[in-house]
Amino acid sequence: DNVVDYAVRMVSKTRPKTSSATELVNEFVDWGAGPRASQNLILAAKTHAAIHGKFSPDIENVQAVAYGILRHRIIKNYKAEAEG
């Protein structure tokens, strides 16, 4: 359950103008990851764990697959593009 909670919290922090968003996200992100990103993050973490011989995923597995799952789901704003 802590892995699922971690994945859901990670994804929710990508959504600007929400209570869990950081100042950095509010300043540079136009569109954050949606609810399906959490589902796919958990599925990818399970797969990553299985490939590495584990029976269940842990937080490290979620972190290992997060970039690939989230990178195309987060849309930067103009300010982020301009500042690089």
Protein backbone atom coordinates (compact mmCIF):
# COMPACT_ATOMS: atom_id res chain seq x y z
CA ASP A 1 0.00 0.00 0.00
CA ASN A 2 2.83 2.41 0.71
CA VAL A 3 4.08 1.93 -2.88
CA VAL A 4 0.65 2.79 -4.29
CA ASP A 5 0.36 5.82 -2.01
CA TYR A 6 3.85 6.94 -3.02
CA ALA A 7 3.02 6.67 -6.73
CA VAL A 8 -0.27 8.55 -6.32
CA ARG A 9 1.39 11.31 -4.29
CA MET A 10 4.23 11.60 -6.82
CA VAL A 11 1.80 12.04 -9.70
CA SER A 12 -0.45 14.46 -7.83
CA LYS A 13 2.55 16.70 -7.11
CA THR A 14 2.93 17.26 -10.87
CA ARG A 15 -0.42 19.05 -11.12
CA PRO A 16 -0.12 22.83 -10.79
CA LYS A 17 -2.44 24.86 -8.61
CA THR A 18 -3.30 21.96 -6.32
CA SER A 19 -2.58 21.66 -2.61
CA SER A 20 0.20 19.13 -3.17
CA ALA A 21 2.01 21.05 -5.93
CA THR A 22 5.35 22.61 -5.10
CA GLU A 23 6.27 26.20 -5.89
CA LEU A 24 8.47 24.95 -8.74
CA VAL A 25 5.56 23.07 -10.33
CA ASN A 26 3.23 26.04 -9.96
CA GLU A 27 5.78 28.28 -11.63
CA PHE A 28 6.88 26.11 -14.55
CA VAL A 29 4.18 23.53 -15.35
CA ASP A 30 1.02 24.14 -17.37
CA TRP A 31 -0.38 20.62 -17.27
CA GLY A 32 0.46 17.80 -14.87
CA ALA A 33 0.06 14.05 -15.13
CA GLY A 34 -3.45 12.61 -14.88
CA PRO A 35 -4.86 9.70 -12.85
CA ARG A 36 -3.86 7.09 -15.42
CA ALA A 37 -0.24 8.07 -14.87
CA SER A 38 -0.49 6.63 -11.34
CA GLN A 39 -1.88 3.38 -12.70
CA ASN A 40 0.84 3.10 -15.32
CA LEU A 41 3.52 4.04 -12.82
CA ILE A 42 2.45 1.18 -10.56
CA LEU A 43 2.26 -1.29 -13.45
CA ALA A 44 5.71 -0.28 -14.67
CA ALA A 45 7.11 -0.56 -11.13
CA LYS A 46 5.68 -4.09 -10.84
CA THR A 47 7.28 -5.02 -14.15
CA HIS A 48 10.59 -3.47 -13.13
CA ALA A 49 10.53 -5.45 -9.88
CA ALA A 50 9.74 -8.71 -11.69
CA ILE A 51 12.54 -8.19 -14.20
CA HIS A 52 14.93 -7.71 -11.29
CA GLY A 53 13.76 -10.89 -9.53
CA LYS A 54 11.50 -9.37 -6.88
CA PHE A 55 7.98 -10.51 -6.12
CA SER A 56 6.61 -7.06 -5.36
CA PRO A 57 7.67 -3.50 -6.16
CA ASP A 58 9.12 -1.03 -3.72
CA ILE A 59 9.62 2.72 -3.80
CA GLU A 60 12.95 2.33 -5.60
CA ASN A 61 11.14 0.56 -8.47
CA VAL A 62 8.66 3.45 -8.72
CA GLN A 63 11.53 5.92 -8.82
CA ALA A 64 13.34 3.87 -11.47
CA VAL A 65 10.44 4.03 -13.93
CA ALA A 66 9.03 7.46 -13.04
CA TYR A 67 10.92 9.45 -15.68
CA GLY A 68 9.77 7.23 -18.54
CA ILE A 69 6.17 7.25 -17.35
CA LEU A 70 5.87 10.95 -16.50
CA ARG A 71 8.07 12.78 -18.99
CA HIS A 72 5.49 12.97 -21.77
CA ARG A 73 2.60 13.61 -19.40
CA ILE A 74 3.89 16.88 -17.94
CA ILE A 75 3.59 19.98 -20.13
CA LYS A 76 5.96 22.84 -19.35
CA ASN A 77 4.75 26.43 -19.66
CA TYR A 78 6.29 29.22 -21.72
CA LYS A 79 8.44 30.41 -18.83
CA ALA A 80 9.98 26.96 -18.41
CA GLU A 81 10.70 26.71 -22.14
CA ALA A 82 12.24 30.19 -22.21
CA GLU A 83 14.48 29.55 -19.20
CA GLY A 84 15.53 26.13 -20.46
